[in-house]
Amino acid sequence: MTTKKSSPLIKAVDLKKQYENDGVVTPVLHGLNFEINEGEFIAIMGPSGSGKSTLMHILGFLDVPTGGKFYFEGRDVSELEETELAKMRGEKVGFVFQMFHLLPKTSVLENVKLPLLYSDVPISKRNSMAKAVIKSVGLEHRTKNLSNQLSGGERQRVAIARALIRNPSIIFADEPTGNLDSKTGDQVMELIEDLHEKEGHTIVLVTHETYTAEHAQRIIKIKDGLIESDKPVTNRRSTRKEHFHK
């Protein structure tokens, strides 16, 4: 996938975050600088407590920095009103979480349609949009099944379909294989690879596992709230290569 050389999709300049609780200030991010271009597949990697999840929440408009600047599609996010932030969060960003976050005892179709609930997409189009993305993740035979009737791998595919339904500018995958066995995890990573290679989606994969991170084009390693390294992956893993050698 060729990366477009226009202005970056995301630009962080001296990005900082601290939390205050009962007068106690806890710094989490200590001034991060990096860019993510449209069409890139990036892994943000670090141990628990490194700040990687906090960073993802800021980049996905779920949290706000306490210092520095964050630009998205060239716009200074700090200048946006809450309604604009909510709109961008709904339209521009797709999330895939380790715990799936599906509604229990609710059909696959209804779960995938959730991001459209407060959108201006006509109700008449929502089913067809949901069915299209469900088909794209290979679950059209499960459309009417309840989420609690699915395997872990199928639930994660539903979560990916839900993330795709508004055709976001960027998809954040937070430990997407963390609750899956290795075979099912490989299948989910293959689907994520396809989203990047075939569909051209910008992917940010958040993980603590080197094995998973090496599917990306580039790894940003975070430790103690600082960027430890930001390097291209010279020998990328691919689920296809691994299937071939098995």
Protein backbone atom coordinates (compact mmCIF):
# COMPACT_ATOMS: atom_id res chain seq x y z
CA MET A 1 0.00 0.00 0.00
CA THR A 2 1.59 3.32 -1.01
CA THR A 3 1.40 6.04 1.59
CA LYS A 4 0.07 9.39 0.45
CA LYS A 5 2.59 12.21 0.85
CA SER A 6 0.12 14.98 1.69
CA SER A 7 -0.08 16.51 5.18
CA PRO A 8 -0.19 13.86 7.92
CA LEU A 9 -3.49 12.43 9.09
CA ILE A 10 -2.27 12.77 12.69
CA LYS A 11 0.43 15.03 14.07
CA ALA A 12 1.41 15.14 17.75
CA VAL A 13 3.59 18.02 18.94
CA ASP A 14 4.98 17.80 22.51
CA LEU A 15 1.81 15.91 23.52
CA LYS A 16 1.35 15.65 27.29
CA LYS A 17 -1.23 14.16 29.60
CA GLN A 18 -1.55 14.20 33.34
CA TYR A 19 -4.35 13.20 35.69
CA GLU A 20 -5.23 14.94 38.95
CA ASN A 21 -7.00 13.17 41.78
CA ASP A 22 -7.47 14.72 45.24
CA GLY A 23 -4.68 17.18 44.51
CA VAL A 24 -2.25 14.45 43.44
CA VAL A 25 -0.95 14.99 39.90
CA THR A 26 0.07 11.90 37.94
CA PRO A 27 1.91 12.60 34.67
CA VAL A 28 1.30 9.89 32.05
CA LEU A 29 2.59 11.28 28.73
CA HIS A 30 5.68 13.50 28.85
CA GLY A 31 5.82 15.26 25.49
CA LEU A 32 5.40 13.00 22.45
CA ASN A 33 6.23 14.02 18.87
CA PHE A 34 5.24 11.90 15.87
CA GLU A 35 3.17 11.81 12.69
CA ILE A 36 0.89 9.17 11.15
CA ASN A 37 0.18 9.42 7.43
CA GLU A 38 -2.97 8.34 5.66
CA GLY A 39 -2.76 4.69 4.61
CA GLU A 40 -0.11 3.70 7.17
CA PHE A 41 -0.26 0.62 9.42
CA ILE A 42 1.31 1.61 12.76
CA ALA A 43 1.78 -0.34 15.97
CA ILE A 44 1.98 1.51 19.28
CA MET A 45 3.77 -0.82 21.63
CA GLY A 46 4.63 -0.73 25.30
CA PRO A 47 4.20 -2.54 28.62
CA SER A 48 1.23 -2.00 30.93
CA GLY A 49 1.39 1.49 32.42
CA SER A 50 3.53 2.88 29.60
CA GLY A 51 0.85 5.33 28.44
CA LYS A 52 -0.08 3.64 25.17
CA SER A 53 -3.79 3.31 25.99
CA THR A 54 -3.94 6.94 27.18
CA LEU A 55 -2.36 7.97 23.88
CA MET A 56 -4.89 5.95 21.89
CA HIS A 57 -7.76 7.56 23.81
CA ILE A 58 -6.43 11.03 22.94
CA LEU A 59 -5.88 10.17 19.26
CA GLY A 60 -9.38 8.67 19.11
CA PHE A 61 -11.08 11.75 20.68
CA LEU A 62 -12.00 9.83 23.85
CA ASP A 63 -9.74 12.02 26.00
CA VAL A 64 -7.96 15.37 25.68
CA PRO A 65 -4.28 16.22 26.21
CA THR A 66 -3.22 18.56 29.01
CA GLY A 67 -0.29 19.98 27.04
CA GLY A 68 1.10 20.19 23.53
CA LYS A 69 -0.84 19.99 20.28
CA PHE A 70 -2.73 17.25 18.45
CA TYR A 71 -3.68 17.82 14.81
CA PHE A 72 -6.13 15.59 12.95
CA GLU A 73 -6.47 16.07 9.17
CA GLY A 74 -4.66 19.39 9.66
CA ARG A 75 -7.06 20.71 12.30
CA ASP A 76 -5.95 21.66 15.80
CA VAL A 77 -8.16 19.41 17.91
CA SER A 78 -7.88 21.68 20.98
CA GLU A 79 -9.87 24.34 19.09
CA LEU A 80 -12.86 22.06 18.48
CA GLU A 81 -16.07 22.28 20.50
CA GLU A 82 -17.38 19.15 22.23
CA THR A 83 -20.09 18.72 19.58
CA GLU A 84 -17.45 18.80 16.82
CA LEU A 85 -15.28 16.35 18.74
CA ALA A 86 -18.23 13.98 19.14
CA LYS A 87 -18.99 14.28 15.42
CA MET A 88 -15.39 13.49 14.48
CA ARG A 89 -15.29 10.60 16.94
CA GLY A 90 -18.41 9.15 15.35
CA GLU A 91 -17.48 9.72 11.70
CA LYS A 92 -13.68 9.62 11.51
CA VAL A 93 -12.66 6.91 13.97
CA GLY A 94 -13.37 3.19 14.29
CA PHE A 95 -12.47 1.23 17.44
CA VAL A 96 -11.79 -2.46 17.95
CA PHE A 97 -11.25 -3.45 21.59
CA GLN A 98 -9.83 -6.53 23.30
CA MET A 99 -13.11 -7.11 25.17
CA PHE A 100 -15.25 -6.71 21.99
CA HIS A 101 -17.80 -4.42 23.76
CA LEU A 102 -20.79 -5.95 22.01
CA LEU A 103 -24.33 -5.72 23.37
CA PRO A 104 -25.26 -9.17 24.76
CA LYS A 105 -28.40 -10.94 23.60
CA THR A 106 -28.50 -8.57 20.62
CA SER A 107 -28.13 -9.64 17.01
CA VAL A 108 -24.99 -9.20 14.96
CA LEU A 109 -26.91 -6.84 12.66
CA GLU A 110 -28.06 -4.61 15.52
CA ASN A 111 -24.59 -4.52 17.09
CA VAL A 112 -23.00 -3.45 13.82
CA LYS A 113 -25.62 -0.74 13.28
CA LEU A 114 -24.90 0.88 16.68
CA PRO A 115 -22.56 3.64 15.37
CA LEU A 116 -25.37 4.81 13.07
CA LEU A 117 -27.78 5.38 15.97
CA TYR A 118 -27.08 9.12 16.31
CA SER A 119 -25.92 9.70 12.75
CA ASP A 120 -27.72 11.41 9.90
CA VAL A 121 -27.68 8.19 7.86
CA PRO A 122 -31.29 7.48 6.78
CA ILE A 123 -32.85 4.58 8.68
CA SER A 124 -33.78 3.00 5.34
CA LYS A 125 -30.09 2.60 4.44
CA ARG A 126 -28.77 1.30 7.76
CA ASN A 127 -29.56 -2.40 7.30
CA SER A 128 -27.93 -2.55 3.87
CA MET A 129 -24.83 -0.73 5.14
CA ALA A 130 -24.53 -3.10 8.10
CA LYS A 131 -25.03 -6.19 5.94
CA ALA A 132 -22.30 -5.03 3.56
CA VAL A 133 -19.67 -4.70 6.29
CA ILE A 134 -20.81 -7.95 7.95
CA LYS A 135 -20.24 -9.67 4.61
CA SER A 136 -16.81 -8.03 4.30
CA VAL A 137 -15.68 -9.77 7.52
CA GLY A 138 -17.12 -13.12 6.42
CA LEU A 139 -20.06 -13.30 8.84
CA GLU A 140 -23.09 -12.94 6.56
CA HIS A 141 -24.29 -16.39 7.79
CA ARG A 142 -24.36 -15.01 11.37
CA THR A 143 -26.33 -11.78 10.75
CA LYS A 144 -29.32 -12.84 12.85
CA ASN A 145 -27.36 -14.63 15.58
CA LEU A 146 -27.11 -13.04 19.02
CA SER A 147 -23.65 -11.88 20.03
CA ASN A 148 -23.52 -14.31 22.97
CA GLN A 149 -24.01 -17.20 20.53
CA LEU A 150 -20.71 -16.44 18.76
CA SER A 151 -17.16 -17.62 19.30
CA GLY A 152 -14.49 -15.15 20.44
CA GLY A 153 -13.12 -14.81 16.92
CA GLU A 154 -16.58 -14.18 15.50
CA ARG A 155 -17.26 -11.53 18.14
CA GLN A 156 -14.07 -9.72 17.20
CA ARG A 157 -15.11 -9.84 13.53
CA VAL A 158 -18.43 -8.26 14.51
CA ALA A 159 -16.48 -5.56 16.38
CA ILE A 160 -14.37 -4.94 13.26
CA ALA A 161 -17.51 -4.70 11.09
CA ARG A 162 -18.97 -2.19 13.56
CA ALA A 163 -15.73 -0.16 13.36
CA LEU A 164 -15.96 -0.11 9.56
CA ILE A 165 -19.60 0.86 9.10
CA ARG A 166 -18.99 4.62 8.81
CA ASN A 167 -15.89 4.17 6.63
CA PRO A 168 -13.65 5.95 9.14
CA SER A 169 -10.40 7.76 8.37
CA ILE A 170 -8.56 5.63 10.93
CA ILE A 171 -9.12 2.37 12.83
CA PHE A 172 -7.69 1.84 16.31
CA ALA A 173 -7.29 -1.81 17.30
CA ASP A 174 -6.55 -2.08 21.04
CA GLU A 175 -5.06 -5.54 21.81
CA PRO A 176 -7.47 -7.08 19.25
CA THR A 177 -6.08 -10.61 19.73
CA GLY A 178 -5.67 -10.39 23.53
CA ASN A 179 -8.67 -12.60 24.33
CA LEU A 180 -8.19 -15.08 21.48
CA ASP A 181 -6.21 -18.29 21.01
CA SER A 182 -3.28 -18.11 18.58
CA LYS A 183 -5.14 -19.59 15.59
CA THR A 184 -8.13 -17.28 15.99
CA GLY A 185 -5.78 -14.37 16.66
CA ASP A 186 -4.03 -15.08 13.35
CA GLN A 187 -7.39 -14.97 11.56
CA VAL A 188 -8.20 -11.59 13.11
CA MET A 189 -4.75 -10.25 12.17
CA GLU A 190 -5.27 -11.50 8.61
CA LEU A 191 -8.51 -9.52 8.45
CA ILE A 192 -6.74 -6.41 9.80
CA GLU A 193 -3.97 -6.88 7.21
CA ASP A 194 -6.63 -7.04 4.49
CA LEU A 195 -8.21 -3.80 5.74
CA HIS A 196 -4.85 -2.13 5.23
CA GLU A 197 -3.48 -3.85 2.12
CA LYS A 198 -6.68 -4.28 0.10
CA GLU A 199 -8.98 -1.54 1.43
CA GLY A 200 -6.35 1.12 2.17
CA HIS A 201 -7.46 1.82 5.74
CA THR A 202 -5.14 3.60 8.14
CA ILE A 203 -4.60 1.25 11.09
CA VAL A 204 -3.18 1.95 14.55
CA LEU A 205 -2.62 -1.29 16.45
CA VAL A 206 -2.07 -0.95 20.20
CA THR A 207 -0.32 -3.95 21.74
CA HIS A 208 2.26 -5.11 24.25
CA GLU A 209 3.26 -8.10 22.09
CA THR A 210 6.20 -7.89 19.68
CA TYR A 211 4.74 -10.76 17.63
CA THR A 212 1.53 -8.83 16.97
CA ALA A 213 3.25 -5.46 16.48
CA GLU A 214 5.49 -6.85 13.73
CA HIS A 215 2.49 -7.13 11.39
CA ALA A 216 2.61 -3.33 11.11
CA GLN A 217 4.82 -1.22 8.83
CA ARG A 218 6.20 0.80 11.72
CA ILE A 219 6.42 0.45 15.49
CA ILE A 220 6.31 3.35 17.96
CA LYS A 221 7.58 2.02 21.30
CA ILE A 222 6.46 3.86 24.42
CA LYS A 223 8.00 3.47 27.85
CA ASP A 224 7.19 5.53 30.95
CA GLY A 225 5.23 8.04 28.87
CA LEU A 226 8.04 8.72 26.41
CA ILE A 227 8.76 7.49 22.88
CA GLU A 228 11.58 4.99 23.24
CA SER A 229 11.85 4.35 19.50
CA ASP A 230 9.96 4.96 16.24
CA LYS A 231 11.21 2.65 13.51
CA PRO A 232 9.96 0.88 10.37
CA VAL A 233 9.53 -2.90 10.62
CA THR A 234 12.24 -4.38 8.41
CA ASN A 235 10.93 -7.95 8.39
CA ARG A 236 7.14 -7.71 8.68
CA ARG A 237 5.11 -10.68 9.78
CA SER A 238 2.24 -11.72 7.56
CA THR A 239 -0.47 -14.23 8.36
CA ARG A 240 -0.31 -15.36 4.72
CA LYS A 241 3.40 -16.20 4.94
CA GLU A 242 2.80 -17.98 8.22
CA HIS A 243 -0.06 -20.01 6.74
CA PHE A 244 2.16 -20.89 3.79
CA HIS A 245 4.91 -22.25 6.02
CA LYS A 246 2.57 -24.29 8.25
